[in-house]
Amino acid sequence: MVDKSLLKSWFNEGKNLGKLGKYEDAIKCFDEAIKIDPNYALAWYSKGTVLENLRRYKEAKICYNKVKRTMSSNMKKEFSL
């Protein structure tokens, strides 16, 4: 069973750290969220965005591909994937 509260905490911490430019710490938080729910598309997407900020484009692409595999078609349109 997925602990939604813990999942949300890790994700929100990652978003906050990313906004502060603490990208490596943000990645760690997104990884923790992904450990809880490997199909959490928003965590994969956010991790990809942070990786792009670090110019780690190959790793970012892996994250975006994971998003594509886990999202519904309507959500893909919203994210332009």
Protein backbone atom coordinates (compact mmCIF):
# COMPACT_ATOMS: atom_id res chain seq x y z
CA MET A 1 0.00 0.00 0.00
CA VAL A 2 1.28 3.46 -0.93
CA ASP A 3 1.74 5.91 1.94
CA LYS A 4 0.28 8.99 0.21
CA SER A 5 1.28 11.33 3.03
CA LEU A 6 4.93 10.31 2.90
CA LEU A 7 4.88 10.33 -0.89
CA LYS A 8 3.52 13.88 -0.93
CA SER A 9 6.06 15.01 1.69
CA TRP A 10 9.03 13.77 -0.34
CA PHE A 11 7.63 15.23 -3.54
CA ASN A 12 6.91 18.64 -2.01
CA GLU A 13 10.34 18.76 -0.41
CA GLY A 14 11.90 18.01 -3.79
CA LYS A 15 9.90 20.79 -5.44
CA ASN A 16 10.90 23.27 -2.73
CA LEU A 17 14.57 22.34 -2.96
CA GLY A 18 14.46 22.61 -6.73
CA LYS A 19 13.03 26.12 -6.47
CA LEU A 20 15.97 27.01 -4.22
CA GLY A 21 18.44 25.68 -6.79
CA LYS A 22 19.42 22.73 -4.58
CA TYR A 23 19.08 20.34 -7.45
CA GLU A 24 21.03 17.37 -6.12
CA ASP A 25 19.00 17.39 -2.91
CA ALA A 26 15.80 17.72 -4.93
CA ILE A 27 16.74 14.64 -6.97
CA LYS A 28 17.21 12.65 -3.77
CA CYS A 29 13.73 13.64 -2.62
CA PHE A 30 12.15 12.72 -5.95
CA ASP A 31 13.97 9.39 -5.80
CA GLU A 32 12.43 8.73 -2.38
CA ALA A 33 8.98 9.53 -3.76
CA ILE A 34 9.63 7.22 -6.70
CA LYS A 35 10.69 4.42 -4.31
CA ILE A 36 7.29 4.73 -2.63
CA ASP A 37 5.39 4.79 -5.93
CA PRO A 38 7.44 3.89 -9.01
CA ASN A 39 4.54 5.00 -11.24
CA TYR A 40 4.27 8.51 -9.79
CA ALA A 41 4.56 10.40 -13.07
CA LEU A 42 4.80 13.84 -11.50
CA ALA A 43 7.88 12.83 -9.49
CA TRP A 44 9.51 11.43 -12.64
CA TYR A 45 8.66 14.61 -14.56
CA SER A 46 9.99 16.88 -11.82
CA LYS A 47 13.17 14.85 -11.53
CA GLY A 48 13.63 15.19 -15.29
CA THR A 49 13.21 18.95 -15.06
CA VAL A 50 15.83 19.21 -12.33
CA LEU A 51 18.20 17.01 -14.31
CA GLU A 52 17.75 19.32 -17.29
CA ASN A 53 18.68 22.26 -15.07
CA LEU A 54 21.90 20.39 -14.32
CA ARG A 55 22.39 19.78 -18.07
CA ARG A 56 22.15 16.04 -17.50
CA TYR A 57 20.03 15.58 -20.59
CA LYS A 58 20.40 11.82 -21.07
CA GLU A 59 19.19 11.16 -17.52
CA ALA A 60 16.35 13.66 -17.97
CA LYS A 61 15.24 11.85 -21.13
CA ILE A 62 15.04 8.58 -19.19
CA CYS A 63 12.75 10.27 -16.67
CA TYR A 64 10.53 11.74 -19.38
CA ASN A 65 10.27 8.35 -21.06
CA LYS A 66 9.12 6.89 -17.76
CA VAL A 67 6.48 9.63 -17.57
CA LYS A 68 5.22 8.67 -21.02
CA ARG A 69 4.87 5.04 -19.98
CA THR A 70 2.96 5.83 -16.80
CA MET A 71 0.65 8.68 -17.82
CA SER A 72 -2.75 8.54 -19.43
CA SER A 73 -3.08 9.99 -22.91
CA ASN A 74 -4.93 13.08 -21.61
CA MET A 75 -2.16 13.84 -19.15
CA LYS A 76 0.45 13.44 -21.91
CA LYS A 77 -1.30 16.20 -23.87
CA GLU A 78 -1.18 18.52 -20.84
CA PHE A 79 2.56 18.00 -20.48
CA SER A 80 3.16 18.09 -24.25
CA LEU A 81 4.90 14.71 -24.18
